Amino acid sequence: MKTAPIESLTCAVFAGLIRTPFQVRSGEKTVELILDEAIPSDDVLASENEERYRLIFHGPVSTLLPQQVHALEHAQLGRFDLFLAAINRTPTSFEYQALFNRGHYASK
């Protein structure tokens, strides 16, 4: 599977993948997460050269992923690393968040 450069994964790219599965390797097992939301920031202080957004995933209640960088795979995107943190537990799932806050600067 190809490797996706994280710089190419914008909020718009993820927004096109809502409700699709991502595979996360956690130790010896693979856990499926479903992308639920791709939410752009409404931060008025962000400049035009910054991109701020968050992703919300849902995973099985049977497995709590640790807060850390995880290797994710997606059929369209390929492989990439992403820091995930659990932010909620419901009776049926764990909810995870990934935050993006990065600048886009033209090369000199």
C-alpha atoms as a PDB file:
ATOM      1  CA  MET A   1       0.000   0.000   0.000  1.00  0.00           C
ATOM      2  CA  LYS A   2       1.242   3.486  -0.831  1.00  0.00           C
ATOM      3  CA  THR A   3       2.241   6.013   1.819  1.00  0.00           C
ATOM      4  CA  ALA A   4       0.242   9.249   1.906  1.00  0.00           C
ATOM      5  CA  PRO A   5       2.229  12.385   2.785  1.00  0.00           C
ATOM      6  CA  ILE A   6       0.400  13.955   5.714  1.00  0.00           C
ATOM      7  CA  GLU A   7       0.853  17.408   4.138  1.00  0.00           C
ATOM      8  CA  SER A   8      -1.450  16.361   1.283  1.00  0.00           C
ATOM      9  CA  LEU A   9      -4.267  15.345   3.627  1.00  0.00           C
ATOM     10  CA  THR A  10      -6.396  18.459   3.949  1.00  0.00           C
ATOM     11  CA  CYS A  11      -9.743  18.922   5.618  1.00  0.00           C
ATOM     12  CA  ALA A  12     -11.396  18.780   2.175  1.00  0.00           C
ATOM     13  CA  VAL A  13      -9.729  15.429   1.454  1.00  0.00           C
ATOM     14  CA  PHE A  14     -10.989  13.958   4.718  1.00  0.00           C
ATOM     15  CA  ALA A  15     -14.452  15.507   4.242  1.00  0.00           C
ATOM     16  CA  GLY A  16     -14.773  13.401   1.096  1.00  0.00           C
ATOM     17  CA  LEU A  17     -14.139  10.267   3.177  1.00  0.00           C
ATOM     18  CA  ILE A  18     -16.814  10.684   5.853  1.00  0.00           C
ATOM     19  CA  ARG A  19     -18.341   7.341   6.910  1.00  0.00           C
ATOM     20  CA  THR A  20     -15.492   5.314   5.410  1.00  0.00           C
ATOM     21  CA  PRO A  21     -13.287   2.861   7.325  1.00  0.00           C
ATOM     22  CA  PHE A  22      -9.695   3.419   8.416  1.00  0.00           C
ATOM     23  CA  GLN A  23      -7.595   0.523   9.696  1.00  0.00           C
ATOM     24  CA  VAL A  24      -5.431   1.217  12.765  1.00  0.00           C
ATOM     25  CA  ARG A  25      -2.698  -1.146  13.881  1.00  0.00           C
ATOM     26  CA  SER A  26      -2.613  -1.469  17.640  1.00  0.00           C
ATOM     27  CA  GLY A  27      -0.137  -4.024  18.897  1.00  0.00           C
ATOM     28  CA  GLU A  28      -1.025  -7.397  17.439  1.00  0.00           C
ATOM     29  CA  LYS A  29      -4.495  -6.423  16.250  1.00  0.00           C
ATOM     30  CA  THR A  30      -6.056  -4.158  13.670  1.00  0.00           C
ATOM     31  CA  VAL A  31      -8.935  -1.931  14.729  1.00  0.00           C
ATOM     32  CA  GLU A  32     -11.400  -0.348  12.319  1.00  0.00           C
ATOM     33  CA  LEU A  33     -12.292   3.297  12.882  1.00  0.00           C
ATOM     34  CA  ILE A  34     -14.996   5.118  10.949  1.00  0.00           C
ATOM     35  CA  LEU A  35     -14.414   8.770  10.095  1.00  0.00           C
ATOM     36  CA  ASP A  36     -17.459  10.599  11.402  1.00  0.00           C
ATOM     37  CA  GLU A  37     -16.574  14.284  10.963  1.00  0.00           C
ATOM     38  CA  ALA A  38     -13.987  16.573   9.349  1.00  0.00           C
ATOM     39  CA  ILE A  39     -14.516  19.980  10.929  1.00  0.00           C
ATOM     40  CA  PRO A  40     -12.700  23.114   9.729  1.00  0.00           C
ATOM     41  CA  SER A  41     -11.818  25.638  12.412  1.00  0.00           C
ATOM     42  CA  ASP A  42     -13.790  28.849  12.588  1.00  0.00           C
ATOM     43  CA  ASP A  43     -10.792  30.535  14.225  1.00  0.00           C
ATOM     44  CA  VAL A  44     -10.845  34.143  13.033  1.00  0.00           C
ATOM     45  CA  LEU A  45      -7.210  34.546  14.070  1.00  0.00           C
ATOM     46  CA  ALA A  46      -5.970  31.949  11.577  1.00  0.00           C
ATOM     47  CA  SER A  47      -4.196  33.430   8.579  1.00  0.00           C
ATOM     48  CA  GLU A  48      -4.738  32.409   4.977  1.00  0.00           C
ATOM     49  CA  ASN A  49      -1.495  30.409   5.218  1.00  0.00           C
ATOM     50  CA  GLU A  50      -2.798  28.241   8.057  1.00  0.00           C
ATOM     51  CA  GLU A  51      -5.026  25.218   8.063  1.00  0.00           C
ATOM     52  CA  ARG A  52      -6.789  24.228  11.274  1.00  0.00           C
ATOM     53  CA  TYR A  53      -9.263  21.391  11.497  1.00  0.00           C
ATOM     54  CA  ARG A  54     -10.207  18.336  13.507  1.00  0.00           C
ATOM     55  CA  LEU A  55     -11.271  14.823  12.660  1.00  0.00           C
ATOM     56  CA  ILE A  56     -13.640  12.682  14.708  1.00  0.00           C
ATOM     57  CA  PHE A  57     -13.513   8.893  14.416  1.00  0.00           C
ATOM     58  CA  HIS A  58     -15.597   6.176  16.077  1.00  0.00           C
ATOM     59  CA  GLY A  59     -14.212   2.766  16.980  1.00  0.00           C
ATOM     60  CA  PRO A  60     -15.390  -0.355  18.750  1.00  0.00           C
ATOM     61  CA  VAL A  61     -16.138  -0.144  22.462  1.00  0.00           C
ATOM     62  CA  SER A  62     -14.224  -3.410  22.899  1.00  0.00           C
ATOM     63  CA  THR A  63     -10.842  -1.745  22.198  1.00  0.00           C
ATOM     64  CA  LEU A  64      -9.535   1.516  23.655  1.00  0.00           C
ATOM     65  CA  LEU A  65      -6.637   2.822  21.592  1.00  0.00           C
ATOM     66  CA  PRO A  66      -3.926   4.580  23.617  1.00  0.00           C
ATOM     67  CA  GLN A  67      -3.337   8.296  23.116  1.00  0.00           C
ATOM     68  CA  GLN A  68      -0.386   8.264  20.715  1.00  0.00           C
ATOM     69  CA  VAL A  69       0.674   8.336  17.087  1.00  0.00           C
ATOM     70  CA  HIS A  70      -0.968   5.470  15.208  1.00  0.00           C
ATOM     71  CA  ALA A  71      -0.358   4.046  11.752  1.00  0.00           C
ATOM     72  CA  LEU A  72      -3.605   4.354   9.792  1.00  0.00           C
ATOM     73  CA  GLU A  73      -4.512   2.848   6.441  1.00  0.00           C
ATOM     74  CA  HIS A  74      -7.297   3.827   4.085  1.00  0.00           C
ATOM     75  CA  ALA A  75      -8.166   2.213   0.755  1.00  0.00           C
ATOM     76  CA  GLN A  76      -8.010   5.553  -1.124  1.00  0.00           C
ATOM     77  CA  LEU A  77      -5.330   7.401   0.833  1.00  0.00           C
ATOM     78  CA  GLY A  78      -2.839   4.686   1.662  1.00  0.00           C
ATOM     79  CA  ARG A  79      -0.809   4.676   4.895  1.00  0.00           C
ATOM     80  CA  PHE A  80      -0.087   7.633   7.147  1.00  0.00           C
ATOM     81  CA  ASP A  81       0.651   8.365  10.800  1.00  0.00           C
ATOM     82  CA  LEU A  82      -1.775  10.324  12.948  1.00  0.00           C
ATOM     83  CA  PHE A  83      -1.929  11.295  16.624  1.00  0.00           C
ATOM     84  CA  LEU A  84      -5.259  10.121  18.049  1.00  0.00           C
ATOM     85  CA  ALA A  85      -6.752  10.801  21.470  1.00  0.00           C
ATOM     86  CA  ALA A  86      -9.889   9.222  22.910  1.00  0.00           C
ATOM     87  CA  ILE A  87     -12.357  11.960  23.815  1.00  0.00           C
ATOM     88  CA  ASN A  88     -15.578  10.118  24.616  1.00  0.00           C
ATOM     89  CA  ARG A  89     -17.090   6.716  25.298  1.00  0.00           C
ATOM     90  CA  THR A  90     -20.652   5.781  24.469  1.00  0.00           C
ATOM     91  CA  PRO A  91     -22.346   2.441  25.157  1.00  0.00           C
ATOM     92  CA  THR A  92     -21.429   1.327  21.627  1.00  0.00           C
ATOM     93  CA  SER A  93     -18.137   3.048  20.720  1.00  0.00           C
ATOM     94  CA  PHE A  94     -15.071   5.066  21.625  1.00  0.00           C
ATOM     95  CA  GLU A  95     -14.729   8.471  19.991  1.00  0.00           C
ATOM     96  CA  TYR A  96     -11.281   9.686  18.908  1.00  0.00           C
ATOM     97  CA  GLN A  97     -10.036  13.090  17.797  1.00  0.00           C
ATOM     98  CA  ALA A  98      -7.125  14.232  15.648  1.00  0.00           C
ATOM     99  CA  LEU A  99      -6.243  17.941  15.519  1.00  0.00           C
ATOM    100  CA  PHE A 100      -4.466  19.703  12.667  1.00  0.00           C
ATOM    101  CA  ASN A 101      -2.887  23.125  13.047  1.00  0.00           C
ATOM    102  CA  ARG A 102      -0.321  23.778  10.367  1.00  0.00           C
ATOM    103  CA  GLY A 103       1.020  26.466   8.101  1.00  0.00           C
ATOM    104  CA  HIS A 104       1.164  26.378   4.327  1.00  0.00           C
ATOM    105  CA  TYR A 105       4.062  28.443   3.097  1.00  0.00           C
ATOM    106  CA  ALA A 106       5.319  28.819  -0.454  1.00  0.00           C
ATOM    107  CA  SER A 107       8.826  27.516  -0.955  1.00  0.00           C
ATOM    108  CA  LYS A 108      11.475  30.119  -1.699  1.00  0.00           C
END
